[in-house]
Amino acid sequence: MAKQPKLEATLVTTISGQNFTSPPVHELKPESILYLLQYGWNQSLNDAHAGPGAKQRKEELLGSGDPDSPTVVALRHTCVEKRIASILAGELSAGHGGGRDPLRSVAVLVLQARAAAKGKTLPKGESLKALVDSLLASEKGRADVMAEIAKRREMAELDVTDIIEG
């Protein structure tokens, strides 16, 4: 296999309006990469597990529904198994977990980057949903999202040993 270039990408997380950026991925120590892989694996599976129960928990607070019913537990396990299959098949691109709708998840990332470039943060809830809808409804916005997805998939295709070994 031909040697691939070092992965110059950085990891960016926005917390309370402040961006926290990692060094380039190829500069991370193997132990750091293993930590991030383990944490990402755990978080991704926990997110998949929690999703189906959210509606049930909301209904329970309103007086109906059982988040621990055999039906919901089976649905949660199915969601975890689907997430594992998606991870192993390479269907989730680097830089985001894919969420329930990967297109919308990446659209949020595109909007976050645009907002951060202007020193702003995104709204939450229905206002954010409306922004995502608007972005995906425009030809240019949808093209920007698709380009970001392609870029993230390209990053995901790099050989991890090249990242670790430099």
C-alpha atoms as a PDB file:
ATOM      1  CA  MET A   1       0.000   0.000   0.000  1.00  0.00           C
ATOM      2  CA  ALA A   2       1.290   3.442  -0.913  1.00  0.00           C
ATOM      3  CA  LYS A   3       2.160   5.692   1.994  1.00  0.00           C
ATOM      4  CA  GLN A   4      -0.597   8.224   2.571  1.00  0.00           C
ATOM      5  CA  PRO A   5       0.064  11.816   3.607  1.00  0.00           C
ATOM      6  CA  LYS A   6      -0.060  12.821   7.242  1.00  0.00           C
ATOM      7  CA  LEU A   7      -3.511  13.782   8.410  1.00  0.00           C
ATOM      8  CA  GLU A   8      -3.291  17.537   8.949  1.00  0.00           C
ATOM      9  CA  ALA A   9      -6.879  17.757  10.186  1.00  0.00           C
ATOM     10  CA  THR A  10      -7.604  19.105  13.626  1.00  0.00           C
ATOM     11  CA  LEU A  11     -10.515  18.300  15.912  1.00  0.00           C
ATOM     12  CA  VAL A  12     -12.684  21.270  16.859  1.00  0.00           C
ATOM     13  CA  THR A  13     -15.296  21.347  19.594  1.00  0.00           C
ATOM     14  CA  THR A  14     -17.357  24.382  20.527  1.00  0.00           C
ATOM     15  CA  ILE A  15     -18.388  24.640  24.179  1.00  0.00           C
ATOM     16  CA  SER A  16     -20.360  27.622  25.422  1.00  0.00           C
ATOM     17  CA  GLY A  17     -19.416  29.565  22.316  1.00  0.00           C
ATOM     18  CA  GLN A  18     -15.657  28.940  22.612  1.00  0.00           C
ATOM     19  CA  ASN A  19     -13.785  26.758  20.122  1.00  0.00           C
ATOM     20  CA  PHE A  20     -11.308  24.209  21.469  1.00  0.00           C
ATOM     21  CA  THR A  21      -8.953  22.885  18.784  1.00  0.00           C
ATOM     22  CA  SER A  22      -6.611  19.897  18.902  1.00  0.00           C
ATOM     23  CA  PRO A  23      -3.165  19.868  17.352  1.00  0.00           C
ATOM     24  CA  PRO A  24      -3.062  18.184  13.915  1.00  0.00           C
ATOM     25  CA  VAL A  25      -4.178  14.583  14.341  1.00  0.00           C
ATOM     26  CA  HIS A  26      -0.833  13.169  13.140  1.00  0.00           C
ATOM     27  CA  GLU A  27       0.862  14.883  16.116  1.00  0.00           C
ATOM     28  CA  LEU A  28      -1.261  13.051  18.700  1.00  0.00           C
ATOM     29  CA  LYS A  29       0.416  10.277  20.657  1.00  0.00           C
ATOM     30  CA  PRO A  30      -0.844   6.711  20.022  1.00  0.00           C
ATOM     31  CA  GLU A  31      -2.220   6.611  23.586  1.00  0.00           C
ATOM     32  CA  SER A  32      -4.236   9.768  22.863  1.00  0.00           C
ATOM     33  CA  ILE A  33      -5.615   8.280  19.661  1.00  0.00           C
ATOM     34  CA  LEU A  34      -6.572   5.074  21.478  1.00  0.00           C
ATOM     35  CA  TYR A  35      -8.278   7.129  24.209  1.00  0.00           C
ATOM     36  CA  LEU A  36     -10.252   9.087  21.616  1.00  0.00           C
ATOM     37  CA  LEU A  37     -11.203   5.898  19.764  1.00  0.00           C
ATOM     38  CA  GLN A  38     -12.387   4.246  22.993  1.00  0.00           C
ATOM     39  CA  TYR A  39     -14.281   7.345  24.116  1.00  0.00           C
ATOM     40  CA  GLY A  40     -15.801   7.826  20.666  1.00  0.00           C
ATOM     41  CA  TRP A  41     -16.851   4.161  20.502  1.00  0.00           C
ATOM     42  CA  ASN A  42     -18.459   4.332  23.947  1.00  0.00           C
ATOM     43  CA  GLN A  43     -20.165   7.666  23.281  1.00  0.00           C
ATOM     44  CA  SER A  44     -21.458   6.616  19.877  1.00  0.00           C
ATOM     45  CA  LEU A  45     -22.982   3.405  21.223  1.00  0.00           C
ATOM     46  CA  ASN A  46     -24.436   5.187  24.252  1.00  0.00           C
ATOM     47  CA  ASP A  47     -25.982   7.813  21.968  1.00  0.00           C
ATOM     48  CA  ALA A  48     -27.517   5.084  19.800  1.00  0.00           C
ATOM     49  CA  HIS A  49     -28.844   3.364  22.926  1.00  0.00           C
ATOM     50  CA  ALA A  50     -30.311   6.530  24.454  1.00  0.00           C
ATOM     51  CA  GLY A  51     -32.127   7.781  21.362  1.00  0.00           C
ATOM     52  CA  PRO A  52     -35.098   5.381  21.290  1.00  0.00           C
ATOM     53  CA  GLY A  53     -35.824   5.927  24.980  1.00  0.00           C
ATOM     54  CA  ALA A  54     -35.965   9.717  24.708  1.00  0.00           C
ATOM     55  CA  LYS A  55     -39.500   9.783  23.308  1.00  0.00           C
ATOM     56  CA  GLN A  56     -40.627   7.227  25.864  1.00  0.00           C
ATOM     57  CA  ARG A  57     -39.084   9.260  28.720  1.00  0.00           C
ATOM     58  CA  LYS A  58     -40.849  12.384  27.475  1.00  0.00           C
ATOM     59  CA  GLU A  59     -44.147  10.497  27.307  1.00  0.00           C
ATOM     60  CA  GLU A  60     -43.503   9.066  30.771  1.00  0.00           C
ATOM     61  CA  LEU A  61     -43.093  12.579  32.159  1.00  0.00           C
ATOM     62  CA  LEU A  62     -46.431  13.406  30.575  1.00  0.00           C
ATOM     63  CA  GLY A  63     -48.029  10.348  32.185  1.00  0.00           C
ATOM     64  CA  SER A  64     -47.687   7.575  29.613  1.00  0.00           C
ATOM     65  CA  GLY A  65     -44.987   5.325  28.190  1.00  0.00           C
ATOM     66  CA  ASP A  66     -42.378   3.056  29.787  1.00  0.00           C
ATOM     67  CA  PRO A  67     -38.728   3.634  28.790  1.00  0.00           C
ATOM     68  CA  ASP A  68     -37.756   0.252  30.262  1.00  0.00           C
ATOM     69  CA  SER A  69     -40.433  -1.790  28.524  1.00  0.00           C
ATOM     70  CA  PRO A  70     -39.203  -4.876  26.654  1.00  0.00           C
ATOM     71  CA  THR A  71     -40.172  -3.197  23.367  1.00  0.00           C
ATOM     72  CA  VAL A  72     -38.075  -0.094  24.052  1.00  0.00           C
ATOM     73  CA  VAL A  73     -35.132  -2.149  25.375  1.00  0.00           C
ATOM     74  CA  ALA A  74     -35.219  -4.313  22.226  1.00  0.00           C
ATOM     75  CA  LEU A  75     -35.372  -1.176  20.073  1.00  0.00           C
ATOM     76  CA  ARG A  76     -32.385   0.279  21.946  1.00  0.00           C
ATOM     77  CA  HIS A  77     -30.352  -2.882  21.366  1.00  0.00           C
ATOM     78  CA  THR A  78     -31.305  -2.863  17.679  1.00  0.00           C
ATOM     79  CA  CYS A  79     -30.151   0.759  17.414  1.00  0.00           C
ATOM     80  CA  VAL A  80     -26.805  -0.118  19.033  1.00  0.00           C
ATOM     81  CA  GLU A  81     -26.346  -3.053  16.638  1.00  0.00           C
ATOM     82  CA  LYS A  82     -27.160  -0.784  13.663  1.00  0.00           C
ATOM     83  CA  ARG A  83     -24.651   1.808  14.912  1.00  0.00           C
ATOM     84  CA  ILE A  84     -21.934  -0.855  15.217  1.00  0.00           C
ATOM     85  CA  ALA A  85     -22.709  -2.075  11.692  1.00  0.00           C
ATOM     86  CA  SER A  86     -22.536   1.515  10.380  1.00  0.00           C
ATOM     87  CA  ILE A  87     -19.194   2.087  12.107  1.00  0.00           C
ATOM     88  CA  LEU A  88     -17.719  -1.155  10.767  1.00  0.00           C
ATOM     89  CA  ALA A  89     -19.029  -0.421   7.260  1.00  0.00           C
ATOM     90  CA  GLY A  90     -17.448   3.040   7.294  1.00  0.00           C
ATOM     91  CA  GLU A  91     -20.811   4.739   6.815  1.00  0.00           C
ATOM     92  CA  LEU A  92     -20.215   7.350   9.495  1.00  0.00           C
ATOM     93  CA  SER A  93     -17.723   9.938   8.431  1.00  0.00           C
ATOM     94  CA  ALA A  94     -14.961  11.365  10.593  1.00  0.00           C
ATOM     95  CA  GLY A  95     -15.711  14.523  12.473  1.00  0.00           C
ATOM     96  CA  HIS A  96     -19.258  13.677  13.444  1.00  0.00           C
ATOM     97  CA  GLY A  97     -21.136  10.747  14.791  1.00  0.00           C
ATOM     98  CA  GLY A  98     -23.715  10.832  12.122  1.00  0.00           C
ATOM     99  CA  GLY A  99     -26.596  11.410  14.422  1.00  0.00           C
ATOM    100  CA  ARG A 100     -29.994  10.161  13.431  1.00  0.00           C
ATOM    101  CA  ASP A 101     -29.721  12.084  10.164  1.00  0.00           C
ATOM    102  CA  PRO A 102     -26.104  12.462   8.994  1.00  0.00           C
ATOM    103  CA  LEU A 103     -27.033  15.087   6.380  1.00  0.00           C
ATOM    104  CA  ARG A 104     -28.599  17.321   9.046  1.00  0.00           C
ATOM    105  CA  SER A 105     -25.699  16.624  11.427  1.00  0.00           C
ATOM    106  CA  VAL A 106     -23.163  17.827   8.883  1.00  0.00           C
ATOM    107  CA  ALA A 107     -25.403  20.791   8.018  1.00  0.00           C
ATOM    108  CA  VAL A 108     -25.168  21.832  11.678  1.00  0.00           C
ATOM    109  CA  LEU A 109     -21.375  21.519  11.506  1.00  0.00           C
ATOM    110  CA  VAL A 110     -21.287  23.720   8.387  1.00  0.00           C
ATOM    111  CA  LEU A 111     -23.453  26.307  10.149  1.00  0.00           C
ATOM    112  CA  GLN A 112     -21.253  26.131  13.279  1.00  0.00           C
ATOM    113  CA  ALA A 113     -18.137  26.787  11.197  1.00  0.00           C
ATOM    114  CA  ARG A 114     -19.805  29.752   9.481  1.00  0.00           C
ATOM    115  CA  ALA A 115     -20.971  31.166  12.809  1.00  0.00           C
ATOM    116  CA  ALA A 116     -17.550  30.653  14.446  1.00  0.00           C
ATOM    117  CA  ALA A 117     -15.866  32.462  11.531  1.00  0.00           C
ATOM    118  CA  LYS A 118     -18.050  35.460  12.375  1.00  0.00           C
ATOM    119  CA  GLY A 119     -17.483  35.128  16.122  1.00  0.00           C
ATOM    120  CA  LYS A 120     -21.066  34.012  16.716  1.00  0.00           C
ATOM    121  CA  THR A 121     -22.835  30.954  18.052  1.00  0.00           C
ATOM    122  CA  LEU A 122     -25.838  29.140  16.672  1.00  0.00           C
ATOM    123  CA  PRO A 123     -29.295  29.336  18.193  1.00  0.00           C
ATOM    124  CA  LYS A 124     -30.826  26.200  19.666  1.00  0.00           C
ATOM    125  CA  GLY A 125     -34.044  24.272  19.284  1.00  0.00           C
ATOM    126  CA  GLU A 126     -36.537  25.268  16.624  1.00  0.00           C
ATOM    127  CA  SER A 127     -34.433  28.239  15.479  1.00  0.00           C
ATOM    128  CA  LEU A 128     -31.507  25.925  14.701  1.00  0.00           C
ATOM    129  CA  LYS A 129     -33.847  23.469  12.974  1.00  0.00           C
ATOM    130  CA  ALA A 130     -35.140  26.315  10.781  1.00  0.00           C
ATOM    131  CA  LEU A 131     -31.559  27.344   9.875  1.00  0.00           C
ATOM    132  CA  VAL A 132     -30.690  23.760   8.921  1.00  0.00           C
ATOM    133  CA  ASP A 133     -33.878  23.469   6.851  1.00  0.00           C
ATOM    134  CA  SER A 134     -33.009  26.726   5.083  1.00  0.00           C
ATOM    135  CA  LEU A 135     -29.423  25.633   4.385  1.00  0.00           C
ATOM    136  CA  LEU A 136     -30.511  22.276   2.974  1.00  0.00           C
ATOM    137  CA  ALA A 137     -33.286  23.890   0.901  1.00  0.00           C
ATOM    138  CA  SER A 138     -30.856  26.118  -0.985  1.00  0.00           C
ATOM    139  CA  GLU A 139     -28.876  24.631  -3.853  1.00  0.00           C
ATOM    140  CA  LYS A 140     -25.602  26.208  -2.682  1.00  0.00           C
ATOM    141  CA  GLY A 141     -26.191  25.269   0.955  1.00  0.00           C
ATOM    142  CA  ARG A 142     -26.902  21.653   0.104  1.00  0.00           C
ATOM    143  CA  ALA A 143     -23.818  21.587  -2.167  1.00  0.00           C
ATOM    144  CA  ASP A 144     -21.706  22.966   0.713  1.00  0.00           C
ATOM    145  CA  VAL A 145     -23.005  20.233   3.013  1.00  0.00           C
ATOM    146  CA  MET A 146     -22.344  17.525   0.424  1.00  0.00           C
ATOM    147  CA  ALA A 147     -18.812  18.880  -0.107  1.00  0.00           C
ATOM    148  CA  GLU A 148     -18.194  18.741   3.649  1.00  0.00           C
ATOM    149  CA  ILE A 149     -19.464  15.150   3.758  1.00  0.00           C
ATOM    150  CA  ALA A 150     -17.110  14.235   0.885  1.00  0.00           C
ATOM    151  CA  LYS A 151     -14.189  15.926   2.670  1.00  0.00           C
ATOM    152  CA  ARG A 152     -14.921  14.043   5.887  1.00  0.00           C
ATOM    153  CA  ARG A 153     -15.231  10.731   4.054  1.00  0.00           C
ATOM    154  CA  GLU A 154     -11.899  11.372   2.342  1.00  0.00           C
ATOM    155  CA  MET A 155     -10.319  12.000   5.754  1.00  0.00           C
ATOM    156  CA  ALA A 156     -11.875   8.777   7.051  1.00  0.00           C
ATOM    157  CA  GLU A 157     -10.266   6.791   4.213  1.00  0.00           C
ATOM    158  CA  LEU A 158      -6.741   7.604   5.391  1.00  0.00           C
ATOM    159  CA  ASP A 159      -4.823   4.742   6.933  1.00  0.00           C
ATOM    160  CA  VAL A 160      -4.826   5.114  10.731  1.00  0.00           C
ATOM    161  CA  THR A 161      -1.352   3.563  10.984  1.00  0.00           C
ATOM    162  CA  ASP A 162      -0.025   6.469   8.927  1.00  0.00           C
ATOM    163  CA  ILE A 163      -1.602   8.870  11.400  1.00  0.00           C
ATOM    164  CA  ILE A 164       0.011   7.115  14.350  1.00  0.00           C
ATOM    165  CA  GLU A 165       3.397   6.451  12.732  1.00  0.00           C
ATOM    166  CA  GLY A 166       3.606   9.790  10.865  1.00  0.00           C
END
